[in-house]
Amino acid sequence: MNFGIYSYTATILIFCGLALLLYVVGRLLRKKSAMLPATDWKAIIWTMIIFAVIAGPEEYVALAWRTWIYNPERTFNTTFLGAEVETYLFMILVSLVVSIATLVYARREDRKRNPD
């Protein structure tokens, strides 16, 4: 399947979007007390910011050393701080999904150990 310049973005959105959709559906089907508190969301936002800030320089170095390259026919071919725009989208969405999954499972384990 070829989405043209949207191929890389579509792949990111499909895989990260499905994981986020599972979280949203799970939250809608459960009671309100199962939702993540505001302090967890602050940690998630900071994690996303840190990953996005780290992604730029590391991607720039990798592209400068020709460790990998992006096919301009499958990306927007737009760079920001030396990295493709899709790289930032990938880092932000993956860090969001992984942070949510980690915090949800940590809360689940806490509830198992301390049933109140």
PDB file of N, CA and C in Angstrom:
ATOM      1  N   MET A   1       0.841  -1.166   0.000  1.00  0.00           N
ATOM      2  CA  MET A   1       0.000   0.000   0.000  1.00  0.00           C
ATOM      3  C   MET A   1       0.894   1.239   0.000  1.00  0.00           C
ATOM      4  N   ASN A   2       0.647   2.137  -0.919  1.00  0.00           N
ATOM      5  CA  ASN A   2       1.469   3.324  -1.055  1.00  0.00           C
ATOM      6  C   ASN A   2       0.588   4.554  -0.870  1.00  0.00           C
ATOM      7  N   PHE A   3       0.879   5.318   0.174  1.00  0.00           N
ATOM      8  CA  PHE A   3       0.135   6.541   0.443  1.00  0.00           C
ATOM      9  C   PHE A   3       0.871   7.771  -0.072  1.00  0.00           C
ATOM     10  N   GLY A   4       1.918   7.564  -0.853  1.00  0.00           N
ATOM     11  CA  GLY A   4       2.698   8.682  -1.374  1.00  0.00           C
ATOM     12  C   GLY A   4       3.461   9.373  -0.262  1.00  0.00           C
ATOM     13  N   ILE A   5       3.380  10.703  -0.227  1.00  0.00           N
ATOM     14  CA  ILE A   5       4.135  11.443   0.787  1.00  0.00           C
ATOM     15  C   ILE A   5       3.576  11.225   2.188  1.00  0.00           C
ATOM     16  N   TYR A   6       2.414  10.618   2.293  1.00  0.00           N
ATOM     17  CA  TYR A   6       1.802  10.388   3.597  1.00  0.00           C
ATOM     18  C   TYR A   6       2.130   9.006   4.164  1.00  0.00           C
ATOM     19  N   SER A   7       2.972   8.220   3.502  1.00  0.00           N
ATOM     20  CA  SER A   7       3.236   6.836   3.921  1.00  0.00           C
ATOM     21  C   SER A   7       3.789   6.750   5.339  1.00  0.00           C
ATOM     22  N   TYR A   8       4.836   7.493   5.633  1.00  0.00           N
ATOM     23  CA  TYR A   8       5.457   7.423   6.956  1.00  0.00           C
ATOM     24  C   TYR A   8       4.502   7.955   8.022  1.00  0.00           C
ATOM     25  N   THR A   9       3.848   9.064   7.727  1.00  0.00           N
ATOM     26  CA  THR A   9       2.896   9.645   8.674  1.00  0.00           C
ATOM     27  C   THR A   9       1.723   8.705   8.912  1.00  0.00           C
ATOM     28  N   ALA A  10       1.219   8.084   7.851  1.00  0.00           N
ATOM     29  CA  ALA A  10       0.099   7.149   8.004  1.00  0.00           C
ATOM     30  C   ALA A  10       0.494   5.964   8.868  1.00  0.00           C
ATOM     31  N   THR A  11       1.692   5.453   8.678  1.00  0.00           N
ATOM     32  CA  THR A  11       2.163   4.328   9.493  1.00  0.00           C
ATOM     33  C   THR A  11       2.235   4.720  10.963  1.00  0.00           C
ATOM     34  N   ILE A  12       2.775   5.887  11.246  1.00  0.00           N
ATOM     35  CA  ILE A  12       2.865   6.365  12.628  1.00  0.00           C
ATOM     36  C   ILE A  12       1.473   6.504  13.230  1.00  0.00           C
ATOM     37  N   LEU A  13       0.573   7.144  12.499  1.00  0.00           N
ATOM     38  CA  LEU A  13      -0.767   7.380  13.028  1.00  0.00           C
ATOM     39  C   LEU A  13      -1.561   6.090  13.199  1.00  0.00           C
ATOM     40  N   ILE A  14      -1.368   5.133  12.307  1.00  0.00           N
ATOM     41  CA  ILE A  14      -2.093   3.867  12.430  1.00  0.00           C
ATOM     42  C   ILE A  14      -1.663   3.140  13.695  1.00  0.00           C
ATOM     43  N   PHE A  15      -0.373   2.953  13.889  1.00  0.00           N
ATOM     44  CA  PHE A  15       0.083   2.153  15.027  1.00  0.00           C
ATOM     45  C   PHE A  15      -0.058   2.889  16.355  1.00  0.00           C
ATOM     46  N   CYS A  16       0.313   4.151  16.411  1.00  0.00           N
ATOM     47  CA  CYS A  16       0.153   4.897  17.662  1.00  0.00           C
ATOM     48  C   CYS A  16      -1.314   5.232  17.904  1.00  0.00           C
ATOM     49  N   GLY A  17      -2.023   5.519  16.830  1.00  0.00           N
ATOM     50  CA  GLY A  17      -3.442   5.837  16.957  1.00  0.00           C
ATOM     51  C   GLY A  17      -4.260   4.673  17.476  1.00  0.00           C
ATOM     52  N   LEU A  18      -3.937   3.460  17.037  1.00  0.00           N
ATOM     53  CA  LEU A  18      -4.657   2.287  17.540  1.00  0.00           C
ATOM     54  C   LEU A  18      -4.419   2.098  19.033  1.00  0.00           C
ATOM     55  N   ALA A  19      -3.195   2.308  19.480  1.00  0.00           N
ATOM     56  CA  ALA A  19      -2.894   2.180  20.909  1.00  0.00           C
ATOM     57  C   ALA A  19      -3.630   3.249  21.714  1.00  0.00           C
ATOM     58  N   LEU A  20      -3.654   4.474  21.213  1.00  0.00           N
ATOM     59  CA  LEU A  20      -4.383   5.536  21.906  1.00  0.00           C
ATOM     60  C   LEU A  20      -5.884   5.284  21.888  1.00  0.00           C
ATOM     61  N   LEU A  21      -6.379   4.739  20.796  1.00  0.00           N
ATOM     62  CA  LEU A  21      -7.801   4.406  20.710  1.00  0.00           C
ATOM     63  C   LEU A  21      -8.174   3.349  21.745  1.00  0.00           C
ATOM     64  N   LEU A  22      -7.318   2.355  21.936  1.00  0.00           N
ATOM     65  CA  LEU A  22      -7.559   1.345  22.968  1.00  0.00           C
ATOM     66  C   LEU A  22      -7.631   1.980  24.348  1.00  0.00           C
ATOM     67  N   TYR A  23      -6.751   2.927  24.623  1.00  0.00           N
ATOM     68  CA  TYR A  23      -6.776   3.611  25.918  1.00  0.00           C
ATOM     69  C   TYR A  23      -8.078   4.390  26.089  1.00  0.00           C
ATOM     70  N   VAL A  24      -8.463   5.144  25.071  1.00  0.00           N
ATOM     71  CA  VAL A  24      -9.677   5.958  25.158  1.00  0.00           C
ATOM     72  C   VAL A  24     -10.910   5.075  25.350  1.00  0.00           C
ATOM     73  N   VAL A  25     -11.007   3.997  24.593  1.00  0.00           N
ATOM     74  CA  VAL A  25     -12.150   3.083  24.741  1.00  0.00           C
ATOM     75  C   VAL A  25     -12.151   2.468  26.137  1.00  0.00           C
ATOM     76  N   GLY A  26     -10.976   2.079  26.619  1.00  0.00           N
ATOM     77  CA  GLY A  26     -10.880   1.526  27.967  1.00  0.00           C
ATOM     78  C   GLY A  26     -11.311   2.514  29.029  1.00  0.00           C
ATOM     79  N   ARG A  27     -10.964   3.781  28.850  1.00  0.00           N
ATOM     80  CA  ARG A  27     -11.370   4.807  29.822  1.00  0.00           C
ATOM     81  C   ARG A  27     -12.867   5.064  29.752  1.00  0.00           C
ATOM     82  N   LEU A  28     -13.445   4.995  28.568  1.00  0.00           N
ATOM     83  CA  LEU A  28     -14.885   5.228  28.435  1.00  0.00           C
ATOM     84  C   LEU A  28     -15.704   4.094  29.040  1.00  0.00           C
ATOM     85  N   LEU A  29     -15.162   2.879  29.015  1.00  0.00           N
ATOM     86  CA  LEU A  29     -15.893   1.725  29.531  1.00  0.00           C
ATOM     87  C   LEU A  29     -15.710   1.530  31.034  1.00  0.00           C
ATOM     88  N   ARG A  30     -14.765   2.217  31.627  1.00  0.00           N
ATOM     89  CA  ARG A  30     -14.508   2.055  33.064  1.00  0.00           C
ATOM     90  C   ARG A  30     -15.010   3.268  33.835  1.00  0.00           C
ATOM     91  N   LYS A  31     -15.048   3.092  35.151  1.00  0.00           N
ATOM     92  CA  LYS A  31     -15.508   4.192  35.994  1.00  0.00           C
ATOM     93  C   LYS A  31     -14.473   5.318  36.041  1.00  0.00           C
ATOM     94  N   LYS A  32     -14.918   6.477  36.471  1.00  0.00           N
ATOM     95  CA  LYS A  32     -14.071   7.669  36.467  1.00  0.00           C
ATOM     96  C   LYS A  32     -12.838   7.519  37.352  1.00  0.00           C
ATOM     97  N   SER A  33     -12.916   6.748  38.421  1.00  0.00           N
ATOM     98  CA  SER A  33     -11.770   6.604  39.328  1.00  0.00           C
ATOM     99  C   SER A  33     -10.604   5.867  38.671  1.00  0.00           C
ATOM    100  N   ALA A  34     -10.860   5.203  37.549  1.00  0.00           N
ATOM    101  CA  ALA A  34      -9.794   4.476  36.854  1.00  0.00           C
ATOM    102  C   ALA A  34      -8.956   5.390  35.964  1.00  0.00           C
ATOM    103  N   MET A  35      -9.367   6.644  35.817  1.00  0.00           N
ATOM    104  CA  MET A  35      -8.624   7.573  34.963  1.00  0.00           C
ATOM    105  C   MET A  35      -7.317   7.998  35.625  1.00  0.00           C
ATOM    106  N   LEU A  36      -6.366   8.390  34.804  1.00  0.00           N
ATOM    107  CA  LEU A  36      -5.077   8.856  35.323  1.00  0.00           C
ATOM    108  C   LEU A  36      -5.239  10.237  35.955  1.00  0.00           C
ATOM    109  N   PRO A  37      -4.641  10.457  37.131  1.00  0.00           N
ATOM    110  CA  PRO A  37      -4.749  11.775  37.773  1.00  0.00           C
ATOM    111  C   PRO A  37      -3.916  12.831  37.046  1.00  0.00           C
ATOM    112  N   ALA A  38      -4.139  14.084  37.418  1.00  0.00           N
ATOM    113  CA  ALA A  38      -3.457  15.210  36.762  1.00  0.00           C
ATOM    114  C   ALA A  38      -1.942  15.129  36.922  1.00  0.00           C
ATOM    115  N   THR A  39      -1.464  14.632  38.054  1.00  0.00           N
ATOM    116  CA  THR A  39      -0.010  14.534  38.244  1.00  0.00           C
ATOM    117  C   THR A  39       0.608  13.566  37.241  1.00  0.00           C
ATOM    118  N   ASP A  40      -0.114  12.494  36.913  1.00  0.00           N
ATOM    119  CA  ASP A  40       0.385  11.564  35.897  1.00  0.00           C
ATOM    120  C   ASP A  40       0.431  12.230  34.531  1.00  0.00           C
ATOM    121  N   TRP A  41      -0.564  13.056  34.229  1.00  0.00           N
ATOM    122  CA  TRP A  41      -0.576  13.734  32.933  1.00  0.00           C
ATOM    123  C   TRP A  41       0.561  14.747  32.832  1.00  0.00           C
ATOM    124  N   LYS A  42       0.918  15.366  33.956  1.00  0.00           N
ATOM    125  CA  LYS A  42       2.079  16.270  33.942  1.00  0.00           C
ATOM    126  C   LYS A  42       3.348  15.494  33.609  1.00  0.00           C
ATOM    127  N   ALA A  43       3.495  14.319  34.199  1.00  0.00           N
ATOM    128  CA  ALA A  43       4.666  13.477  33.910  1.00  0.00           C
ATOM    129  C   ALA A  43       4.674  13.050  32.445  1.00  0.00           C
ATOM    130  N   ILE A  44       3.508  12.737  31.909  1.00  0.00           N
ATOM    131  CA  ILE A  44       3.408  12.335  30.503  1.00  0.00           C
ATOM    132  C   ILE A  44       3.817  13.483  29.587  1.00  0.00           C
ATOM    133  N   ILE A  45       3.337  14.674  29.881  1.00  0.00           N
ATOM    134  CA  ILE A  45       3.667  15.839  29.048  1.00  0.00           C
ATOM    135  C   ILE A  45       5.164  16.136  29.105  1.00  0.00           C
ATOM    136  N   TRP A  46       5.760  16.063  30.297  1.00  0.00           N
ATOM    137  CA  TRP A  46       7.200  16.282  30.409  1.00  0.00           C
ATOM    138  C   TRP A  46       7.981  15.220  29.650  1.00  0.00           C
ATOM    139  N   THR A  47       7.519  13.990  29.710  1.00  0.00           N
ATOM    140  CA  THR A  47       8.184  12.916  28.964  1.00  0.00           C
ATOM    141  C   THR A  47       8.129  13.192  27.468  1.00  0.00           C
ATOM    142  N   MET A  48       6.978  13.640  26.975  1.00  0.00           N
ATOM    143  CA  MET A  48       6.839  13.949  25.552  1.00  0.00           C
ATOM    144  C   MET A  48       7.780  15.082  25.149  1.00  0.00           C
ATOM    145  N   ILE A  49       7.872  16.113  25.987  1.00  0.00           N
ATOM    146  CA  ILE A  49       8.748  17.246  25.685  1.00  0.00           C
ATOM    147  C   ILE A  49      10.209  16.801  25.652  1.00  0.00           C
ATOM    148  N   ILE A  50      10.610  16.019  26.647  1.00  0.00           N
ATOM    149  CA  ILE A  50      12.002  15.555  26.711  1.00  0.00           C
ATOM    150  C   ILE A  50      12.345  14.709  25.491  1.00  0.00           C
ATOM    151  N   PHE A  51      11.450  13.794  25.123  1.00  0.00           N
ATOM    152  CA  PHE A  51      11.723  12.952  23.960  1.00  0.00           C
ATOM    153  C   PHE A  51      11.794  13.774  22.677  1.00  0.00           C
ATOM    154  N   ALA A  52      10.925  14.774  22.530  1.00  0.00           N
ATOM    155  CA  ALA A  52      10.954  15.602  21.325  1.00  0.00           C
ATOM    156  C   ALA A  52      12.237  16.431  21.257  1.00  0.00           C
ATOM    157  N   VAL A  53      12.692  16.939  22.400  1.00  0.00           N
ATOM    158  CA  VAL A  53      13.925  17.730  22.433  1.00  0.00           C
ATOM    159  C   VAL A  53      15.136  16.853  22.126  1.00  0.00           C
ATOM    160  N   ILE A  54      15.133  15.627  22.620  1.00  0.00           N
ATOM    161  CA  ILE A  54      16.249  14.710  22.373  1.00  0.00           C
ATOM    162  C   ILE A  54      16.257  14.235  20.920  1.00  0.00           C
ATOM    163  N   ALA A  55      15.087  14.076  20.336  1.00  0.00           N
ATOM    164  CA  ALA A  55      14.979  13.506  18.987  1.00  0.00           C
ATOM    165  C   ALA A  55      15.665  14.357  17.928  1.00  0.00           C
ATOM    166  N   GLY A  56      15.541  15.666  18.020  1.00  0.00           N
ATOM    167  CA  GLY A  56      16.101  16.544  16.995  1.00  0.00           C
ATOM    168  C   GLY A  56      17.597  16.401  16.808  1.00  0.00           C
ATOM    169  N   PRO A  57      18.382  16.650  17.849  1.00  0.00           N
ATOM    170  CA  PRO A  57      19.835  16.524  17.684  1.00  0.00           C
ATOM    171  C   PRO A  57      20.286  15.110  17.324  1.00  0.00           C
ATOM    172  N   GLU A  58      19.660  14.108  17.926  1.00  0.00           N
ATOM    173  CA  GLU A  58      20.097  12.738  17.612  1.00  0.00           C
ATOM    174  C   GLU A  58      19.756  12.379  16.170  1.00  0.00           C
ATOM    175  N   GLU A  59      18.635  12.838  15.694  1.00  0.00           N
ATOM    176  CA  GLU A  59      18.254  12.576  14.304  1.00  0.00           C
ATOM    177  C   GLU A  59      19.166  13.337  13.346  1.00  0.00           C
ATOM    178  N   TYR A  60      19.504  14.570  13.705  1.00  0.00           N
ATOM    179  CA  TYR A  60      20.397  15.372  12.872  1.00  0.00           C
ATOM    180  C   TYR A  60      21.753  14.684  12.711  1.00  0.00           C
ATOM    181  N   VAL A  61      22.297  14.193  13.816  1.00  0.00           N
ATOM    182  CA  VAL A  61      23.593  13.506  13.769  1.00  0.00           C
ATOM    183  C   VAL A  61      23.489  12.236  12.928  1.00  0.00           C
ATOM    184  N   ALA A  62      22.430  11.467  13.134  1.00  0.00           N
ATOM    185  CA  ALA A  62      22.260  10.219  12.376  1.00  0.00           C
ATOM    186  C   ALA A  62      22.128  10.495  10.879  1.00  0.00           C
ATOM    187  N   LEU A  63      21.401  11.533  10.516  1.00  0.00           N
ATOM    188  CA  LEU A  63      21.253  11.870   9.099  1.00  0.00           C
ATOM    189  C   LEU A  63      22.557  12.432   8.529  1.00  0.00           C
ATOM    190  N   ALA A  64      23.289  13.214   9.320  1.00  0.00           N
ATOM    191  CA  ALA A  64      24.567  13.763   8.854  1.00  0.00           C
ATOM    192  C   ALA A  64      25.592  12.657   8.626  1.00  0.00           C
ATOM    193  N   TRP A  65      25.578  11.636   9.459  1.00  0.00           N
ATOM    194  CA  TRP A  65      26.493  10.501   9.301  1.00  0.00           C
ATOM    195  C   TRP A  65      25.973   9.489   8.298  1.00  0.00           C
ATOM    196  N   ARG A  66      24.816   9.766   7.728  1.00  0.00           N
ATOM    197  CA  ARG A  66      24.158   8.878   6.764  1.00  0.00           C
ATOM    198  C   ARG A  66      23.907   7.481   7.346  1.00  0.00           C
ATOM    199  N   THR A  67      23.572   7.461   8.629  1.00  0.00           N
ATOM    200  CA  THR A  67      23.195   6.204   9.276  1.00  0.00           C
ATOM    201  C   THR A  67      21.914   5.681   8.648  1.00  0.00           C
ATOM    202  N   TRP A  68      21.004   6.584   8.357  1.00  0.00           N
ATOM    203  CA  TRP A  68      19.808   6.259   7.596  1.00  0.00           C
ATOM    204  C   TRP A  68      19.360   7.512   6.856  1.00  0.00           C
ATOM    205  N   ILE A  69      18.496   7.319   5.904  1.00  0.00           N
ATOM    206  CA  ILE A  69      17.940   8.442   5.149  1.00  0.00           C
ATOM    207  C   ILE A  69      16.448   8.214   4.999  1.00  0.00           C
ATOM    208  N   TYR A  70      15.741   9.278   4.708  1.00  0.00           N
ATOM    209  CA  TYR A  70      14.309   9.191   4.464  1.00  0.00           C
ATOM    210  C   TYR A  70      14.049   9.322   2.971  1.00  0.00           C
ATOM    211  N   ASN A  71      13.126   8.535   2.490  1.00  0.00           N
ATOM    212  CA  ASN A  71      12.728   8.607   1.092  1.00  0.00           C
ATOM    213  C   ASN A  71      11.826   9.829   0.927  1.00  0.00           C
ATOM    214  N   PRO A  72      12.239  10.829   0.151  1.00  0.00           N
ATOM    215  CA  PRO A  72      11.426  12.037   0.010  1.00  0.00           C
ATOM    216  C   PRO A  72      10.065  11.784  -0.630  1.00  0.00           C
ATOM    217  N   GLU A  73       9.912  10.645  -1.302  1.00  0.00           N
ATOM    218  CA  GLU A  73       8.616  10.329  -1.901  1.00  0.00           C
ATOM    219  C   GLU A  73       7.619   9.820  -0.864  1.00  0.00           C
ATOM    220  N   ARG A  74       8.099   9.463   0.320  1.00  0.00           N
ATOM    221  CA  ARG A  74       7.230   8.902   1.357  1.00  0.00           C
ATOM    222  C   ARG A  74       7.132   9.778   2.608  1.00  0.00           C
ATOM    223  N   THR A  75       7.794  10.920   2.597  1.00  0.00           N
ATOM    224  CA  THR A  75       7.709  11.861   3.718  1.00  0.00           C
ATOM    225  C   THR A  75       7.326  13.230   3.176  1.00  0.00           C
ATOM    226  N   PHE A  76       7.044  14.150   4.088  1.00  0.00           N
ATOM    227  CA  PHE A  76       6.729  15.513   3.666  1.00  0.00           C
ATOM    228  C   PHE A  76       7.961  16.242   3.157  1.00  0.00           C
ATOM    229  N   ASN A  77       9.155  15.660   3.406  1.00  0.00           N
ATOM    230  CA  ASN A  77      10.430  16.247   2.995  1.00  0.00           C
ATOM    231  C   ASN A  77      10.595  17.654   3.571  1.00  0.00           C
ATOM    232  N   THR A  78      10.115  17.820   4.801  1.00  0.00           N
ATOM    233  CA  THR A  78      10.221  19.078   5.518  1.00  0.00           C
ATOM    234  C   THR A  78      11.014  18.829   6.791  1.00  0.00           C
ATOM    235  N   THR A  79      12.065  19.603   6.986  1.00  0.00           N
ATOM    236  CA  THR A  79      12.884  19.405   8.176  1.00  0.00           C
ATOM    237  C   THR A  79      12.671  20.537   9.167  1.00  0.00           C
ATOM    238  N   PHE A  80      12.838  20.185  10.423  1.00  0.00           N
ATOM    239  CA  PHE A  80      12.771  21.151  11.513  1.00  0.00           C
ATOM    240  C   PHE A  80      13.928  20.825  12.445  1.00  0.00           C
ATOM    241  N   LEU A  81      14.822  21.766  12.642  1.00  0.00           N
ATOM    242  CA  LEU A  81      16.025  21.560  13.452  1.00  0.00           C
ATOM    243  C   LEU A  81      16.829  20.356  12.980  1.00  0.00           C
ATOM    244  N   GLY A  82      16.887  20.162  11.682  1.00  0.00           N
ATOM    245  CA  GLY A  82      17.709  19.111  11.101  1.00  0.00           C
ATOM    246  C   GLY A  82      17.064  17.749  10.998  1.00  0.00           C
ATOM    247  N   ALA A  83      15.831  17.605  11.441  1.00  0.00           N
ATOM    248  CA  ALA A  83      15.159  16.303  11.401  1.00  0.00           C
ATOM    249  C   ALA A  83      13.824  16.437  10.674  1.00  0.00           C
ATOM    250  N   GLU A  84      13.391  15.331  10.102  1.00  0.00           N
ATOM    251  CA  GLU A  84      12.089  15.330   9.436  1.00  0.00           C
ATOM    252  C   GLU A  84      10.985  15.634  10.450  1.00  0.00           C
ATOM    253  N   VAL A  85       9.951  16.312  10.009  1.00  0.00           N
ATOM    254  CA  VAL A  85       8.828  16.650  10.884  1.00  0.00           C
ATOM    255  C   VAL A  85       8.175  15.383  11.433  1.00  0.00           C
ATOM    256  N   GLU A  86       8.136  14.338  10.631  1.00  0.00           N
ATOM    257  CA  GLU A  86       7.522  13.086  11.069  1.00  0.00           C
ATOM    258  C   GLU A  86       8.260  12.463  12.252  1.00  0.00           C
ATOM    259  N   THR A  87       9.543  12.745  12.372  1.00  0.00           N
ATOM    260  CA  THR A  87      10.311  12.219  13.500  1.00  0.00           C
ATOM    261  C   THR A  87       9.779  12.765  14.816  1.00  0.00           C
ATOM    262  N   TYR A  88       9.466  14.051  14.836  1.00  0.00           N
ATOM    263  CA  TYR A  88       8.915  14.653  16.053  1.00  0.00           C
ATOM    264  C   TYR A  88       7.530  14.079  16.345  1.00  0.00           C
ATOM    265  N   LEU A  89       6.725  13.903  15.309  1.00  0.00           N
ATOM    266  CA  LEU A  89       5.411  13.290  15.494  1.00  0.00           C
ATOM    267  C   LEU A  89       5.558  11.890  16.076  1.00  0.00           C
ATOM    268  N   PHE A  90       6.501  11.123  15.535  1.00  0.00           N
ATOM    269  CA  PHE A  90       6.750   9.769  16.021  1.00  0.00           C
ATOM    270  C   PHE A  90       7.174   9.788  17.485  1.00  0.00           C
ATOM    271  N   MET A  91       8.140  10.619  17.826  1.00  0.00           N
ATOM    272  CA  MET A  91       8.628  10.659  19.207  1.00  0.00           C
ATOM    273  C   MET A  91       7.542  11.089  20.183  1.00  0.00           C
ATOM    274  N   ILE A  92       6.762  12.073  19.808  1.00  0.00           N
ATOM    275  CA  ILE A  92       5.710  12.554  20.702  1.00  0.00           C
ATOM    276  C   ILE A  92       4.644  11.483  20.905  1.00  0.00           C
ATOM    277  N   LEU A  93       4.179  10.869  19.824  1.00  0.00           N
ATOM    278  CA  LEU A  93       3.121   9.867  19.958  1.00  0.00           C
ATOM    279  C   LEU A  93       3.604   8.595  20.644  1.00  0.00           C
ATOM    280  N   VAL A  94       4.801   8.149  20.329  1.00  0.00           N
ATOM    281  CA  VAL A  94       5.317   6.935  20.975  1.00  0.00           C
ATOM    282  C   VAL A  94       5.555   7.184  22.461  1.00  0.00           C
ATOM    283  N   SER A  95       6.122   8.336  22.810  1.00  0.00           N
ATOM    284  CA  SER A  95       6.325   8.617  24.234  1.00  0.00           C
ATOM    285  C   SER A  95       4.989   8.749  24.959  1.00  0.00           C
ATOM    286  N   LEU A  96       3.975   9.279  24.298  1.00  0.00           N
ATOM    287  CA  LEU A  96       2.636   9.359  24.883  1.00  0.00           C
ATOM    288  C   LEU A  96       2.081   7.965  25.143  1.00  0.00           C
ATOM    289  N   VAL A  97       2.139   7.103  24.146  1.00  0.00           N
ATOM    290  CA  VAL A  97       1.595   5.747  24.277  1.00  0.00           C
ATOM    291  C   VAL A  97       2.344   4.952  25.343  1.00  0.00           C
ATOM    292  N   VAL A  98       3.658   5.003  25.316  1.00  0.00           N
ATOM    293  CA  VAL A  98       4.450   4.232  26.287  1.00  0.00           C
ATOM    294  C   VAL A  98       4.246   4.772  27.704  1.00  0.00           C
ATOM    295  N   SER A  99       4.180   6.085  27.865  1.00  0.00           N
ATOM    296  CA  SER A  99       3.956   6.670  29.190  1.00  0.00           C
ATOM    297  C   SER A  99       2.598   6.276  29.745  1.00  0.00           C
ATOM    298  N   ILE A 100       1.573   6.374  28.920  1.00  0.00           N
ATOM    299  CA  ILE A 100       0.233   5.991  29.371  1.00  0.00           C
ATOM    300  C   ILE A 100       0.207   4.521  29.755  1.00  0.00           C
ATOM    301  N   ALA A 101       0.760   3.666  28.907  1.00  0.00           N
ATOM    302  CA  ALA A 101       0.755   2.229  29.205  1.00  0.00           C
ATOM    303  C   ALA A 101       1.507   1.935  30.497  1.00  0.00           C
ATOM    304  N   THR A 102       2.646   2.569  30.688  1.00  0.00           N
ATOM    305  CA  THR A 102       3.431   2.343  31.903  1.00  0.00           C
ATOM    306  C   THR A 102       2.663   2.771  33.146  1.00  0.00           C
ATOM    307  N   LEU A 103       2.062   3.955  33.108  1.00  0.00           N
ATOM    308  CA  LEU A 103       1.336   4.446  34.276  1.00  0.00           C
ATOM    309  C   LEU A 103       0.068   3.644  34.543  1.00  0.00           C
ATOM    310  N   VAL A 104      -0.631   3.238  33.491  1.00  0.00           N
ATOM    311  CA  VAL A 104      -1.842   2.433  33.676  1.00  0.00           C
ATOM    312  C   VAL A 104      -1.496   1.090  34.310  1.00  0.00           C
ATOM    313  N   TYR A 105      -0.470   0.437  33.809  1.00  0.00           N
ATOM    314  CA  TYR A 105      -0.097  -0.864  34.370  1.00  0.00           C
ATOM    315  C   TYR A 105       0.502  -0.728  35.766  1.00  0.00           C
ATOM    316  N   ALA A 106       1.206   0.364  36.052  1.00  0.00           N
ATOM    317  CA  ALA A 106       1.725   0.586  37.404  1.00  0.00           C
ATOM    318  C   ALA A 106       0.577   0.779  38.386  1.00  0.00           C
ATOM    319  N   ARG A 107      -0.438   1.536  37.990  1.00  0.00           N
ATOM    320  CA  ARG A 107      -1.619   1.714  38.855  1.00  0.00           C
ATOM    321  C   ARG A 107      -2.340   0.394  39.056  1.00  0.00           C
ATOM    322  N   ARG A 108      -2.413  -0.400  38.008  1.00  0.00           N
ATOM    323  CA  ARG A 108      -3.069  -1.709  38.103  1.00  0.00           C
ATOM    324  C   ARG A 108      -2.335  -2.610  39.096  1.00  0.00           C
ATOM    325  N   GLU A 109      -1.014  -2.632  39.024  1.00  0.00           N
ATOM    326  CA  GLU A 109      -0.226  -3.444  39.958  1.00  0.00           C
ATOM    327  C   GLU A 109      -0.366  -2.931  41.388  1.00  0.00           C
ATOM    328  N   ASP A 110      -0.411  -1.603  41.563  1.00  0.00           N
ATOM    329  CA  ASP A 110      -0.618  -1.042  42.903  1.00  0.00           C
ATOM    330  C   ASP A 110      -1.963  -1.466  43.476  1.00  0.00           C
ATOM    331  N   ARG A 111      -2.995  -1.463  42.640  1.00  0.00           N
ATOM    332  CA  ARG A 111      -4.324  -1.883  43.102  1.00  0.00           C
ATOM    333  C   ARG A 111      -4.348  -3.360  43.465  1.00  0.00           C
ATOM    334  N   LYS A 112      -3.581  -4.168  42.750  1.00  0.00           N
ATOM    335  CA  LYS A 112      -3.515  -5.598  43.077  1.00  0.00           C
ATOM    336  C   LYS A 112      -2.843  -5.823  44.429  1.00  0.00           C
ATOM    337  N   ARG A 113      -1.801  -5.054  44.696  1.00  0.00           N
ATOM    338  CA  ARG A 113      -1.055  -5.229  45.948  1.00  0.00           C
ATOM    339  C   ARG A 113      -1.764  -4.615  47.138  1.00  0.00           C
ATOM    340  N   ASN A 114      -2.473  -3.533  46.917  1.00  0.00           N
ATOM    341  CA  ASN A 114      -3.168  -2.827  48.003  1.00  0.00           C
ATOM    342  C   ASN A 114      -4.656  -2.736  47.703  1.00  0.00           C
ATOM    343  N   PRO A 115      -5.397  -3.819  47.805  1.00  0.00           N
ATOM    344  CA  PRO A 115      -6.839  -3.740  47.516  1.00  0.00           C
ATOM    345  C   PRO A 115      -7.571  -2.990  48.630  1.00  0.00           C
ATOM    346  N   ASP A 116      -8.045  -1.811  48.322  1.00  0.00           N
ATOM    347  CA  ASP A 116      -8.769  -0.990  49.317  1.00  0.00           C
ATOM    348  C   ASP A 116     -10.218  -0.865  48.980  1.00  0.00           C
TER     349      ASP A 116
END
